[in-house]
C-alpha atoms as a PDB file:
ATOM      1  CA  UNK A   1      -8.284   8.821  20.910  1.00  0.00           C
ATOM      2  CA  UNK A   2      -7.562   7.236  17.708  1.00  0.00           C
ATOM      3  CA  UNK A   3     -10.596   5.078  17.802  1.00  0.00           C
ATOM      4  CA  UNK A   4     -12.769   8.131  18.390  1.00  0.00           C
ATOM      5  CA  UNK A   5     -11.213   9.912  15.534  1.00  0.00           C
ATOM      6  CA  UNK A   6     -12.078   6.613  13.283  1.00  0.00           C
ATOM      7  CA  UNK A   7     -15.379   6.972  14.555  1.00  0.00           C
ATOM      8  CA  UNK A   8     -16.206  10.458  13.705  1.00  0.00           C
ATOM      9  CA  UNK A   9     -14.677   9.913  10.121  1.00  0.00           C
ATOM     10  CA  UNK A  10     -16.704   7.020   9.647  1.00  0.00           C
ATOM     11  CA  UNK A  11     -19.836   9.110  10.931  1.00  0.00           C
ATOM     12  CA  UNK A  12     -18.709  11.762   8.389  1.00  0.00           C
ATOM     13  CA  UNK A  13     -18.622   9.476   5.336  1.00  0.00           C
ATOM     14  CA  UNK A  14     -21.879   7.940   6.386  1.00  0.00           C
ATOM     15  CA  UNK A  15     -23.750  11.319   6.348  1.00  0.00           C
ATOM     16  CA  UNK A  16     -22.051  12.282   3.321  1.00  0.00           C
ATOM     17  CA  UNK A  17     -24.090   9.354   1.826  1.00  0.00           C
ATOM     18  CA  UNK A  18     -27.380   9.814   3.137  1.00  0.00           C
ATOM     19  CA  UNK A  19     -27.442  13.305   2.241  1.00  0.00           C
ATOM     20  CA  UNK A  20     -26.544  12.478  -1.476  1.00  0.00           C
ATOM     21  CA  UNK A  21     -23.260  14.148  -1.714  1.00  0.00           C
ATOM     22  CA  UNK A  22     -21.674  11.405  -3.851  1.00  0.00           C
ATOM     23  CA  UNK A  23     -24.145  11.741  -6.464  1.00  0.00           C
ATOM     24  CA  UNK A  24     -24.713  15.546  -6.140  1.00  0.00           C
ATOM     25  CA  UNK A  25     -21.126  16.825  -5.912  1.00  0.00           C
ATOM     26  CA  UNK A  26     -18.568  14.135  -7.195  1.00  0.00           C
ATOM     27  CA  UNK A  27     -15.462  15.485  -8.196  1.00  0.00           C
ATOM     28  CA  UNK A  28     -12.039  14.902  -9.836  1.00  0.00           C
ATOM     29  CA  UNK A  29     -11.539  12.193 -12.596  1.00  0.00           C
ATOM     30  CA  UNK A  30     -11.089   9.318 -10.623  1.00  0.00           C
ATOM     31  CA  UNK A  31      -9.476   7.296  -7.657  1.00  0.00           C
ATOM     32  CA  UNK A  32      -6.514   4.718  -7.276  1.00  0.00           C
ATOM     33  CA  UNK A  33      -7.555   2.242  -4.639  1.00  0.00           C
ATOM     34  CA  UNK A  34      -4.585   0.539  -2.601  1.00  0.00           C
ATOM     35  CA  UNK A  35      -4.951  -2.873  -1.089  1.00  0.00           C
ATOM     36  CA  UNK A  36      -2.119  -4.690   0.554  1.00  0.00           C
ATOM     37  CA  UNK A  37      -3.306  -8.320   1.752  1.00  0.00           C
ATOM     38  CA  UNK A  38      -6.653 -10.287   0.730  1.00  0.00           C
ATOM     39  CA  UNK A  39      -7.097 -13.393   2.675  1.00  0.00           C
ATOM     40  CA  UNK A  40      -9.866 -15.146   4.615  1.00  0.00           C
ATOM     41  CA  UNK A  41     -10.929 -13.609   8.102  1.00  0.00           C
ATOM     42  CA  UNK A  42      -9.446 -15.211  10.752  1.00  0.00           C
ATOM     43  CA  UNK A  43     -10.196 -15.277  14.737  1.00  0.00           C
ATOM     44  CA  UNK A  44      -7.194 -14.534  16.374  1.00  0.00           C
ATOM     45  CA  UNK A  45      -7.553 -11.527  19.080  1.00  0.00           C
ATOM     46  CA  UNK A  46      -3.999 -10.215  18.222  1.00  0.00           C
ATOM     47  CA  UNK A  47      -4.185  -8.662  14.563  1.00  0.00           C
ATOM     48  CA  UNK A  48      -2.291  -5.469  14.662  1.00  0.00           C
ATOM     49  CA  UNK A  49      -2.071  -5.318  10.837  1.00  0.00           C
ATOM     50  CA  UNK A  50      -5.836  -6.018  10.204  1.00  0.00           C
ATOM     51  CA  UNK A  51      -6.530  -2.736   8.758  1.00  0.00           C
ATOM     52  CA  UNK A  52      -4.354  -3.769   5.940  1.00  0.00           C
ATOM     53  CA  UNK A  53      -6.389  -6.449   4.860  1.00  0.00           C
ATOM     54  CA  UNK A  54      -9.722  -7.331   3.265  1.00  0.00           C
ATOM     55  CA  UNK A  55     -11.422 -10.622   2.554  1.00  0.00           C
ATOM     56  CA  UNK A  56     -11.612 -12.008  -1.017  1.00  0.00           C
ATOM     57  CA  UNK A  57     -15.574 -11.878  -0.345  1.00  0.00           C
ATOM     58  CA  UNK A  58     -15.420  -8.111   0.185  1.00  0.00           C
ATOM     59  CA  UNK A  59     -13.223  -7.604  -2.692  1.00  0.00           C
ATOM     60  CA  UNK A  60     -15.757  -9.490  -4.849  1.00  0.00           C
ATOM     61  CA  UNK A  61     -18.399  -7.319  -3.418  1.00  0.00           C
ATOM     62  CA  UNK A  62     -16.544  -4.017  -3.889  1.00  0.00           C
ATOM     63  CA  UNK A  63     -15.594  -4.909  -7.470  1.00  0.00           C
ATOM     64  CA  UNK A  64     -19.392  -5.730  -8.367  1.00  0.00           C
ATOM     65  CA  UNK A  65     -20.466  -2.569  -6.599  1.00  0.00           C
ATOM     66  CA  UNK A  66     -17.985  -0.432  -8.662  1.00  0.00           C
ATOM     67  CA  UNK A  67     -19.329  -2.091 -11.790  1.00  0.00           C
ATOM     68  CA  UNK A  68     -22.832  -1.112 -10.769  1.00  0.00           C
ATOM     69  CA  UNK A  69     -21.986   2.433 -10.232  1.00  0.00           C
ATOM     70  CA  UNK A  70     -20.764   2.862 -14.043  1.00  0.00           C
ATOM     71  CA  UNK A  71     -16.914   3.471 -13.249  1.00  0.00           C
ATOM     72  CA  UNK A  72     -14.211   2.717 -15.783  1.00  0.00           C
ATOM     73  CA  UNK A  73     -11.709   0.000 -14.516  1.00  0.00           C
ATOM     74  CA  UNK A  74      -8.038   1.284 -15.636  1.00  0.00           C
ATOM     75  CA  UNK A  75      -4.562   0.276 -15.663  1.00  0.00           C
ATOM     76  CA  UNK A  76      -1.909   2.920 -14.619  1.00  0.00           C
ATOM     77  CA  UNK A  77      -1.152   3.777 -18.183  1.00  0.00           C
ATOM     78  CA  UNK A  78      -4.391   4.865 -18.634  1.00  0.00           C
ATOM     79  CA  UNK A  79      -4.700   6.683 -15.473  1.00  0.00           C
ATOM     80  CA  UNK A  80      -1.818   8.686 -16.427  1.00  0.00           C
ATOM     81  CA  UNK A  81      -3.450   9.559 -19.876  1.00  0.00           C
ATOM     82  CA  UNK A  82      -6.785  10.708 -18.246  1.00  0.00           C
ATOM     83  CA  UNK A  83      -4.749  12.513 -15.624  1.00  0.00           C
ATOM     84  CA  UNK A  84      -3.419  15.045 -18.035  1.00  0.00           C
ATOM     85  CA  UNK A  85      -6.275  15.252 -20.697  1.00  0.00           C
ATOM     86  CA  UNK A  86      -9.633  16.981 -20.415  1.00  0.00           C
ATOM     87  CA  UNK A  87     -12.357  15.334 -18.143  1.00  0.00           C
ATOM     88  CA  UNK A  88     -14.129  12.473 -19.417  1.00  0.00           C
ATOM     89  CA  UNK A  89     -17.821  11.749 -18.605  1.00  0.00           C
ATOM     90  CA  UNK A  90     -17.212   8.529 -16.617  1.00  0.00           C
ATOM     91  CA  UNK A  91     -14.997   8.439 -13.598  1.00  0.00           C
ATOM     92  CA  UNK A  92     -12.518   5.743 -13.234  1.00  0.00           C
ATOM     93  CA  UNK A  93     -11.154   3.528 -10.454  1.00  0.00           C
ATOM     94  CA  UNK A  94      -7.640   1.892 -10.507  1.00  0.00           C
ATOM     95  CA  UNK A  95      -7.256  -1.080  -8.496  1.00  0.00           C
ATOM     96  CA  UNK A  96      -3.501  -1.545  -6.948  1.00  0.00           C
ATOM     97  CA  UNK A  97      -1.621  -3.979  -4.749  1.00  0.00           C
ATOM     98  CA  UNK A  98       1.343  -3.397  -2.720  1.00  0.00           C
ATOM     99  CA  UNK A  99       4.185  -5.697  -1.572  1.00  0.00           C
ATOM    100  CA  UNK A 100       3.520  -8.720  -3.780  1.00  0.00           C
ATOM    101  CA  UNK A 101       1.982 -10.849  -1.072  1.00  0.00           C
ATOM    102  CA  UNK A 102       1.572 -14.550  -1.649  1.00  0.00           C
ATOM    103  CA  UNK A 103      -2.216 -13.789  -0.875  1.00  0.00           C
ATOM    104  CA  UNK A 104      -2.420 -11.904  -4.033  1.00  0.00           C
ATOM    105  CA  UNK A 105      -1.909 -14.984  -6.203  1.00  0.00           C
ATOM    106  CA  UNK A 106      -3.546 -17.525  -4.019  1.00  0.00           C
ATOM    107  CA  UNK A 107      -6.647 -15.563  -3.101  1.00  0.00           C
ATOM    108  CA  UNK A 108      -7.091 -12.147  -4.802  1.00  0.00           C
ATOM    109  CA  UNK A 109      -6.110 -13.116  -8.442  1.00  0.00           C
ATOM    110  CA  UNK A 110      -8.865 -15.530  -8.668  1.00  0.00           C
ATOM    111  CA  UNK A 111     -11.558 -12.899  -7.842  1.00  0.00           C
ATOM    112  CA  UNK A 112      -9.795 -10.446 -10.198  1.00  0.00           C
ATOM    113  CA  UNK A 113      -9.695 -12.761 -12.913  1.00  0.00           C
ATOM    114  CA  UNK A 114     -13.185 -13.898 -12.736  1.00  0.00           C
ATOM    115  CA  UNK A 115     -14.125  -9.993 -13.255  1.00  0.00           C
ATOM    116  CA  UNK A 116     -11.590  -9.391 -15.893  1.00  0.00           C
ATOM    117  CA  UNK A 117     -10.751  -6.105 -14.403  1.00  0.00           C
ATOM    118  CA  UNK A 118      -7.160  -4.530 -15.022  1.00  0.00           C
ATOM    119  CA  UNK A 119      -5.070  -4.050 -11.847  1.00  0.00           C
ATOM    120  CA  UNK A 120      -1.351  -3.098 -10.734  1.00  0.00           C
ATOM    121  CA  UNK A 121       0.853  -4.885  -8.493  1.00  0.00           C
ATOM    122  CA  UNK A 122       3.842  -3.196  -7.194  1.00  0.00           C
ATOM    123  CA  UNK A 123       6.969  -5.419  -6.692  1.00  0.00           C
ATOM    124  CA  UNK A 124       9.797  -5.073  -4.063  1.00  0.00           C
ATOM    125  CA  UNK A 125      12.241  -7.242  -6.126  1.00  0.00           C
ATOM    126  CA  UNK A 126      14.274  -8.555  -2.934  1.00  0.00           C
ATOM    127  CA  UNK A 127      11.063 -10.450  -1.895  1.00  0.00           C
ATOM    128  CA  UNK A 128      10.813 -12.653  -4.889  1.00  0.00           C
ATOM    129  CA  UNK A 129      14.331 -13.181  -4.732  1.00  0.00           C
ATOM    130  CA  UNK A 130      13.887 -14.643  -1.287  1.00  0.00           C
ATOM    131  CA  UNK A 131      16.033 -11.975   0.709  1.00  0.00           C
ATOM    132  CA  UNK A 132      13.439  -9.462   1.447  1.00  0.00           C
ATOM    133  CA  UNK A 133      12.702  -9.075   5.290  1.00  0.00           C
ATOM    134  CA  UNK A 134       9.142  -8.694   6.218  1.00  0.00           C
ATOM    135  CA  UNK A 135      10.034  -7.290   9.551  1.00  0.00           C
ATOM    136  CA  UNK A 136       6.514  -6.083  10.255  1.00  0.00           C
ATOM    137  CA  UNK A 137       5.338  -9.767  10.056  1.00  0.00           C
ATOM    138  CA  UNK A 138       8.097 -11.014  12.163  1.00  0.00           C
ATOM    139  CA  UNK A 139       7.419  -8.346  14.699  1.00  0.00           C
ATOM    140  CA  UNK A 140       3.775  -9.538  14.924  1.00  0.00           C
ATOM    141  CA  UNK A 141       4.990 -12.967  15.648  1.00  0.00           C
ATOM    142  CA  UNK A 142       7.194 -11.986  18.517  1.00  0.00           C
ATOM    143  CA  UNK A 143       4.468  -9.869  20.268  1.00  0.00           C
ATOM    144  CA  UNK A 144       1.738 -12.238  19.606  1.00  0.00           C
ATOM    145  CA  UNK A 145       3.892 -15.317  21.153  1.00  0.00           C
ATOM    146  CA  UNK A 146       5.546 -13.608  24.133  1.00  0.00           C
ATOM    147  CA  UNK A 147       4.482 -11.701  27.130  1.00  0.00           C
ATOM    148  CA  UNK A 148       7.847 -10.452  28.187  1.00  0.00           C
ATOM    149  CA  UNK A 149       9.752  -8.729  25.445  1.00  0.00           C
ATOM    150  CA  UNK A 150      13.158  -6.981  25.458  1.00  0.00           C
ATOM    151  CA  UNK A 151      15.051  -5.222  22.659  1.00  0.00           C
ATOM    152  CA  UNK A 152      18.056  -2.875  21.963  1.00  0.00           C
ATOM    153  CA  UNK A 153      16.515   0.647  21.258  1.00  0.00           C
ATOM    154  CA  UNK A 154      19.528   2.876  20.296  1.00  0.00           C
ATOM    155  CA  UNK A 155      22.145   1.994  22.982  1.00  0.00           C
ATOM    156  CA  UNK A 156      19.675   0.946  25.681  1.00  0.00           C
ATOM    157  CA  UNK A 157      17.828  -2.436  26.398  1.00  0.00           C
ATOM    158  CA  UNK A 158      14.233  -2.045  26.777  1.00  0.00           C
ATOM    159  CA  UNK A 159      11.957  -4.121  28.414  1.00  0.00           C
ATOM    160  CA  UNK A 160       8.258  -4.698  28.173  1.00  0.00           C
ATOM    161  CA  UNK A 161       5.517  -6.663  29.828  1.00  0.00           C
ATOM    162  CA  UNK A 162       2.411  -7.243  27.839  1.00  0.00           C
ATOM    163  CA  UNK A 163      -0.523  -9.497  29.227  1.00  0.00           C
ATOM    164  CA  UNK A 164      -3.501  -8.335  27.372  1.00  0.00           C
ATOM    165  CA  UNK A 165      -4.161  -8.008  23.595  1.00  0.00           C
ATOM    166  CA  UNK A 166      -4.695  -4.185  24.115  1.00  0.00           C
ATOM    167  CA  UNK A 167      -1.020  -3.999  25.653  1.00  0.00           C
ATOM    168  CA  UNK A 168      -0.011  -6.070  22.822  1.00  0.00           C
ATOM    169  CA  UNK A 169      -1.461  -3.768  20.236  1.00  0.00           C
ATOM    170  CA  UNK A 170       0.231  -0.764  21.675  1.00  0.00           C
ATOM    171  CA  UNK A 171       3.571  -2.308  21.963  1.00  0.00           C
ATOM    172  CA  UNK A 172       3.242  -3.362  18.359  1.00  0.00           C
ATOM    173  CA  UNK A 173       2.538   0.247  17.358  1.00  0.00           C
ATOM    174  CA  UNK A 174       5.270   1.578  19.405  1.00  0.00           C
ATOM    175  CA  UNK A 175       8.025  -0.701  18.078  1.00  0.00           C
ATOM    176  CA  UNK A 176       6.693  -0.684  14.644  1.00  0.00           C
ATOM    177  CA  UNK A 177       6.748   3.338  14.787  1.00  0.00           C
ATOM    178  CA  UNK A 178      10.195   3.237  16.242  1.00  0.00           C
ATOM    179  CA  UNK A 179      11.508   0.659  13.512  1.00  0.00           C
ATOM    180  CA  UNK A 180      10.041   3.026  10.728  1.00  0.00           C
ATOM    181  CA  UNK A 181      12.323   5.739  11.905  1.00  0.00           C
ATOM    182  CA  UNK A 182      15.764   3.777  11.111  1.00  0.00           C
ATOM    183  CA  UNK A 183      18.066   3.844   8.256  1.00  0.00           C
ATOM    184  CA  UNK A 184      17.423   0.473   6.430  1.00  0.00           C
ATOM    185  CA  UNK A 185      20.888  -1.228   7.958  1.00  0.00           C
ATOM    186  CA  UNK A 186      19.806  -0.365  11.705  1.00  0.00           C
ATOM    187  CA  UNK A 187      16.276  -1.467  11.071  1.00  0.00           C
ATOM    188  CA  UNK A 188      17.634  -4.868   9.590  1.00  0.00           C
ATOM    189  CA  UNK A 189      20.225  -5.241  12.627  1.00  0.00           C
ATOM    190  CA  UNK A 190      17.202  -4.562  15.051  1.00  0.00           C
ATOM    191  CA  UNK A 191      14.646  -6.842  13.866  1.00  0.00           C
ATOM    192  CA  UNK A 192      17.462  -9.923  13.367  1.00  0.00           C
ATOM    193  CA  UNK A 193      18.657  -9.191  17.022  1.00  0.00           C
ATOM    194  CA  UNK A 194      14.723  -9.453  18.051  1.00  0.00           C
ATOM    195  CA  UNK A 195      13.990 -12.500  15.866  1.00  0.00           C
ATOM    196  CA  UNK A 196      17.285 -14.276  17.291  1.00  0.00           C
ATOM    197  CA  UNK A 197      16.279 -13.537  20.809  1.00  0.00           C
ATOM    198  CA  UNK A 198      12.916 -15.252  20.452  1.00  0.00           C
ATOM    199  CA  UNK A 199      13.780 -17.738  17.845  1.00  0.00           C
ATOM    200  CA  UNK A 200      11.612 -16.573  15.125  1.00  0.00           C
ATOM    201  CA  UNK A 201      12.810 -17.534  11.622  1.00  0.00           C
ATOM    202  CA  UNK A 202      12.780 -14.194   9.678  1.00  0.00           C
ATOM    203  CA  UNK A 203      13.712 -15.680   6.577  1.00  0.00           C
ATOM    204  CA  UNK A 204      11.067 -18.261   6.373  1.00  0.00           C
ATOM    205  CA  UNK A 205       8.220 -15.794   7.403  1.00  0.00           C
ATOM    206  CA  UNK A 206       9.442 -13.504   4.537  1.00  0.00           C
ATOM    207  CA  UNK A 207       9.737 -15.997   1.916  1.00  0.00           C
ATOM    208  CA  UNK A 208       6.456 -17.756   2.722  1.00  0.00           C
ATOM    209  CA  UNK A 209       4.918 -14.354   2.810  1.00  0.00           C
ATOM    210  CA  UNK A 210       5.716 -13.085  -0.575  1.00  0.00           C
ATOM    211  CA  UNK A 211       5.248 -14.315  -4.104  1.00  0.00           C
ATOM    212  CA  UNK A 212       8.242 -15.870  -6.105  1.00  0.00           C
ATOM    213  CA  UNK A 213       9.184 -15.122  -9.679  1.00  0.00           C
ATOM    214  CA  UNK A 214       7.020 -18.054 -10.934  1.00  0.00           C
ATOM    215  CA  UNK A 215       4.003 -16.671  -9.203  1.00  0.00           C
ATOM    216  CA  UNK A 216       4.668 -13.088 -10.616  1.00  0.00           C
ATOM    217  CA  UNK A 217       5.411 -14.606 -14.219  1.00  0.00           C
ATOM    218  CA  UNK A 218       1.936 -16.071 -14.217  1.00  0.00           C
ATOM    219  CA  UNK A 219       0.379 -12.508 -13.347  1.00  0.00           C
ATOM    220  CA  UNK A 220       2.784 -10.990 -15.996  1.00  0.00           C
ATOM    221  CA  UNK A 221       1.217 -13.109 -18.718  1.00  0.00           C
ATOM    222  CA  UNK A 222      -2.473 -11.697 -17.989  1.00  0.00           C
ATOM    223  CA  UNK A 223      -2.905  -8.730 -20.249  1.00  0.00           C
ATOM    224  CA  UNK A 224      -5.083  -7.002 -17.391  1.00  0.00           C
ATOM    225  CA  UNK A 225      -2.166  -6.921 -15.041  1.00  0.00           C
ATOM    226  CA  UNK A 226       0.380  -4.196 -14.888  1.00  0.00           C
ATOM    227  CA  UNK A 227       3.644  -4.903 -13.055  1.00  0.00           C
ATOM    228  CA  UNK A 228       5.055  -1.968 -11.172  1.00  0.00           C
ATOM    229  CA  UNK A 229       8.262  -1.575  -8.860  1.00  0.00           C
ATOM    230  CA  UNK A 230       8.269  -0.878  -5.139  1.00  0.00           C
ATOM    231  CA  UNK A 231      12.088  -0.545  -5.285  1.00  0.00           C
ATOM    232  CA  UNK A 232      14.435  -3.197  -4.073  1.00  0.00           C
ATOM    233  CA  UNK A 233      14.164  -3.795  -0.370  1.00  0.00           C
ATOM    234  CA  UNK A 234      10.846  -1.772   0.392  1.00  0.00           C
ATOM    235  CA  UNK A 235      12.826   0.725   2.664  1.00  0.00           C
ATOM    236  CA  UNK A 236      11.601   4.101   4.131  1.00  0.00           C
ATOM    237  CA  UNK A 237      13.200   6.344   1.599  1.00  0.00           C
ATOM    238  CA  UNK A 238      12.987   9.332   3.840  1.00  0.00           C
ATOM    239  CA  UNK A 239      15.505   7.459   6.134  1.00  0.00           C
ATOM    240  CA  UNK A 240      18.116   7.116   3.372  1.00  0.00           C
ATOM    241  CA  UNK A 241      20.408   9.575   1.964  1.00  0.00           C
ATOM    242  CA  UNK A 242      19.297  10.594  -1.805  1.00  0.00           C
ATOM    243  CA  UNK A 243      22.063   8.698  -3.732  1.00  0.00           C
ATOM    244  CA  UNK A 244      20.965   5.318  -1.716  1.00  0.00           C
ATOM    245  CA  UNK A 245      17.257   6.262  -2.479  1.00  0.00           C
ATOM    246  CA  UNK A 246      17.962   6.770  -6.068  1.00  0.00           C
ATOM    247  CA  UNK A 247      19.741   3.445  -6.178  1.00  0.00           C
ATOM    248  CA  UNK A 248      16.645   1.606  -4.822  1.00  0.00           C
ATOM    249  CA  UNK A 249      14.405   3.190  -7.358  1.00  0.00           C
ATOM    250  CA  UNK A 250      16.647   2.546 -10.305  1.00  0.00           C
ATOM    251  CA  UNK A 251      17.842  -0.918  -9.116  1.00  0.00           C
ATOM    252  CA  UNK A 252      14.199  -2.185  -8.433  1.00  0.00           C
ATOM    253  CA  UNK A 253      13.370  -0.992 -12.089  1.00  0.00           C
ATOM    254  CA  UNK A 254      16.099  -2.605 -13.726  1.00  0.00           C
ATOM    255  CA  UNK A 255      15.397  -5.841 -11.867  1.00  0.00           C
ATOM    256  CA  UNK A 256      12.158  -5.952 -12.678  1.00  0.00           C
ATOM    257  CA  UNK A 257      12.399  -5.137 -16.187  1.00  0.00           C
ATOM    258  CA  UNK A 258      14.983  -8.061 -16.715  1.00  0.00           C
ATOM    259  CA  UNK A 259      12.790 -10.390 -14.955  1.00  0.00           C
ATOM    260  CA  UNK A 260       9.691  -9.510 -17.013  1.00  0.00           C
ATOM    261  CA  UNK A 261      11.264  -8.417 -20.451  1.00  0.00           C
ATOM    262  CA  UNK A 262       9.102  -5.261 -20.550  1.00  0.00           C
ATOM    263  CA  UNK A 263       9.557  -1.667 -19.468  1.00  0.00           C
ATOM    264  CA  UNK A 264       8.527  -0.974 -15.894  1.00  0.00           C
ATOM    265  CA  UNK A 265       6.667   2.424 -16.078  1.00  0.00           C
ATOM    266  CA  UNK A 266       5.132   2.765 -12.390  1.00  0.00           C
ATOM    267  CA  UNK A 267       6.561   2.970  -9.139  1.00  0.00           C
ATOM    268  CA  UNK A 268       4.951   2.853  -5.510  1.00  0.00           C
ATOM    269  CA  UNK A 269       6.751   4.636  -2.682  1.00  0.00           C
ATOM    270  CA  UNK A 270       7.284   2.127   0.009  1.00  0.00           C
ATOM    271  CA  UNK A 271       4.818   2.728   2.921  1.00  0.00           C
ATOM    272  CA  UNK A 272       4.091   6.023   0.918  1.00  0.00           C
ATOM    273  CA  UNK A 273       2.904   8.418   3.622  1.00  0.00           C
ATOM    274  CA  UNK A 274       3.935  11.925   4.043  1.00  0.00           C
ATOM    275  CA  UNK A 275       6.968  10.771   6.423  1.00  0.00           C
ATOM    276  CA  UNK A 276       8.118   8.000   4.288  1.00  0.00           C
ATOM    277  CA  UNK A 277       9.197  10.111   1.196  1.00  0.00           C
ATOM    278  CA  UNK A 278      10.206  13.426   0.226  1.00  0.00           C
ATOM    279  CA  UNK A 279       9.863  16.000  -2.528  1.00  0.00           C
ATOM    280  CA  UNK A 280      13.396  14.848  -3.759  1.00  0.00           C
ATOM    281  CA  UNK A 281      11.898  11.251  -4.046  1.00  0.00           C
ATOM    282  CA  UNK A 282       9.419  12.661  -6.353  1.00  0.00           C
ATOM    283  CA  UNK A 283      12.009  14.303  -8.531  1.00  0.00           C
ATOM    284  CA  UNK A 284      13.887  11.007  -8.545  1.00  0.00           C
ATOM    285  CA  UNK A 285      10.905   9.027  -9.713  1.00  0.00           C
ATOM    286  CA  UNK A 286      11.099  11.078 -12.926  1.00  0.00           C
ATOM    287  CA  UNK A 287      14.796  11.099 -13.222  1.00  0.00           C
ATOM    288  CA  UNK A 288      14.493   7.059 -12.832  1.00  0.00           C
ATOM    289  CA  UNK A 289      12.297   6.945 -15.711  1.00  0.00           C
ATOM    290  CA  UNK A 290       9.027   6.144 -14.058  1.00  0.00           C
ATOM    291  CA  UNK A 291       5.666   7.711 -15.668  1.00  0.00           C
ATOM    292  CA  UNK A 292       3.904   7.657 -12.181  1.00  0.00           C
ATOM    293  CA  UNK A 293       4.807   7.140  -8.628  1.00  0.00           C
ATOM    294  CA  UNK A 294       1.851   6.496  -6.271  1.00  0.00           C
ATOM    295  CA  UNK A 295       1.758   7.372  -2.566  1.00  0.00           C
ATOM    296  CA  UNK A 296      -0.784   6.577   0.142  1.00  0.00           C
ATOM    297  CA  UNK A 297      -1.735   9.903   0.672  1.00  0.00           C
ATOM    298  CA  UNK A 298      -5.450  10.157   0.493  1.00  0.00           C
ATOM    299  CA  UNK A 299      -7.125  11.984  -2.295  1.00  0.00           C
ATOM    300  CA  UNK A 300      -8.477  11.570  -5.767  1.00  0.00           C
ATOM    301  CA  UNK A 301      -7.001  11.927  -9.127  1.00  0.00           C
ATOM    302  CA  UNK A 302      -7.983  15.146 -11.140  1.00  0.00           C
ATOM    303  CA  UNK A 303      -7.723  15.688 -14.988  1.00  0.00           C
ATOM    304  CA  UNK A 304      -5.783  18.481 -16.968  1.00  0.00           C
ATOM    305  CA  UNK A 305      -2.319  17.878 -15.240  1.00  0.00           C
ATOM    306  CA  UNK A 306      -3.900  19.273 -11.708  1.00  0.00           C
ATOM    307  CA  UNK A 307      -2.395  16.133 -10.038  1.00  0.00           C
ATOM    308  CA  UNK A 308       1.312  15.408  -9.907  1.00  0.00           C
ATOM    309  CA  UNK A 309       1.719  12.170 -11.765  1.00  0.00           C
ATOM    310  CA  UNK A 310       4.979  11.121  -9.606  1.00  0.00           C
ATOM    311  CA  UNK A 311       2.941  11.715  -6.286  1.00  0.00           C
ATOM    312  CA  UNK A 312      -0.324  10.367  -7.075  1.00  0.00           C
ATOM    313  CA  UNK A 313      -2.954   9.778  -4.256  1.00  0.00           C
ATOM    314  CA  UNK A 314      -4.524   6.420  -3.412  1.00  0.00           C
ATOM    315  CA  UNK A 315      -7.302   5.431  -1.159  1.00  0.00           C
ATOM    316  CA  UNK A 316      -6.211   2.792   1.168  1.00  0.00           C
ATOM    317  CA  UNK A 317      -9.037   0.445   2.306  1.00  0.00           C
ATOM    318  CA  UNK A 318      -9.099   0.083   5.694  1.00  0.00           C
ATOM    319  CA  UNK A 319      -9.842  -3.810   6.526  1.00  0.00           C
ATOM    320  CA  UNK A 320     -11.766  -2.880   9.709  1.00  0.00           C
ATOM    321  CA  UNK A 321     -14.630  -1.127   7.544  1.00  0.00           C
ATOM    322  CA  UNK A 322     -16.707  -3.266   5.073  1.00  0.00           C
ATOM    323  CA  UNK A 323     -19.167  -0.412   4.023  1.00  0.00           C
ATOM    324  CA  UNK A 324     -19.716   0.035   0.300  1.00  0.00           C
ATOM    325  CA  UNK A 325     -21.573   3.348   1.166  1.00  0.00           C
ATOM    326  CA  UNK A 326     -18.364   4.409   2.581  1.00  0.00           C
ATOM    327  CA  UNK A 327     -16.308   3.237  -0.409  1.00  0.00           C
ATOM    328  CA  UNK A 328     -18.690   5.151  -2.700  1.00  0.00           C
ATOM    329  CA  UNK A 329     -18.432   8.288  -0.980  1.00  0.00           C
ATOM    330  CA  UNK A 330     -14.660   7.877  -1.167  1.00  0.00           C
ATOM    331  CA  UNK A 331     -14.452   7.023  -4.723  1.00  0.00           C
ATOM    332  CA  UNK A 332     -16.620   9.859  -5.486  1.00  0.00           C
ATOM    333  CA  UNK A 333     -14.147  12.415  -4.126  1.00  0.00           C
ATOM    334  CA  UNK A 334     -16.345  14.477  -1.882  1.00  0.00           C
ATOM    335  CA  UNK A 335     -14.187  13.040   0.988  1.00  0.00           C
ATOM    336  CA  UNK A 336     -11.230  15.094   0.109  1.00  0.00           C
ATOM    337  CA  UNK A 337     -10.425  18.743  -0.247  1.00  0.00           C
ATOM    338  CA  UNK A 338     -10.437  20.146  -3.672  1.00  0.00           C
ATOM    339  CA  UNK A 339      -7.248  19.721  -5.743  1.00  0.00           C
ATOM    340  CA  UNK A 340      -4.918  23.056  -6.039  1.00  0.00           C
ATOM    341  CA  UNK A 341      -2.850  23.910  -9.330  1.00  0.00           C
ATOM    342  CA  UNK A 342      -0.270  21.386 -10.871  1.00  0.00           C
ATOM    343  CA  UNK A 343       1.929  19.721  -8.006  1.00  0.00           C
ATOM    344  CA  UNK A 344      -0.328  20.141  -5.001  1.00  0.00           C
ATOM    345  CA  UNK A 345      -0.361  16.455  -4.171  1.00  0.00           C
ATOM    346  CA  UNK A 346       3.120  16.244  -2.923  1.00  0.00           C
ATOM    347  CA  UNK A 347       5.059  14.696   0.013  1.00  0.00           C
ATOM    348  CA  UNK A 348       6.072  17.238   2.537  1.00  0.00           C
END
């Protein structure tokens, strides 16, 4: 069913292109694009996180296309300004990267630097400190390597037999979804137990996948780069009590400000979908001193204050689809419902 839904959505966007909708009825002031990992394509059959990846070649093609389409590339400070002022003639695009992946400095940054375009990196500060837990990567490795998997889910031990790649993908989706419902301490205990059972080095996986402070300092020295915060540990804020969630925001901001010697004005809600944060977290982002906070709720940014700056929508690029036609339709805004008055882009 999910694959059918994706096919129908792709068909709808392709039809929007061929009927000229992006040219005739473009709306909104601009779009914020979200990327997670940029790395060369690889041939492994089991790639449950592939939808979060694009290749450096596609990143290059996308930037070249956006330039041809005449959009303005903006950092997040300028996005905030355009979101509250009268509409400008040219639309904008902001490029944002979540998670501070090592691939960003090694693979994506050479492409971005060659184009001299601004972009924003949202850093969860536990990861360059070497203590963050990339539990999704550890889960991927366990399932990729094993055909018989057992783990404690609540008070019961569950056992799974996964022989095919389809079964492995289904199990990954099931366990990932369950882990994302757990409070941070319980999630950490669950993934550590799973890694111990199957001799997966969670610490090494997490450190190797993340940029360190030296990498980030190189990015921070580039005037085209905006450093933002993605809290400390990148937790699902909705699974935390409000005081703990506020601490994640304020401590992530404080650590990054100490590391870079500058004000950190922009936040990315970890994971950022409607189930991962609440309205109270939108208010907390303002209390913590952030000028903006981005989600992964799909949409475009309107002008004249019609989009909540601390619940900004983003277009998450699906690595399985490499159509520049679809990208143009999405950036045009015709794929999304009209924005209602101020505060409509909120977490439920």
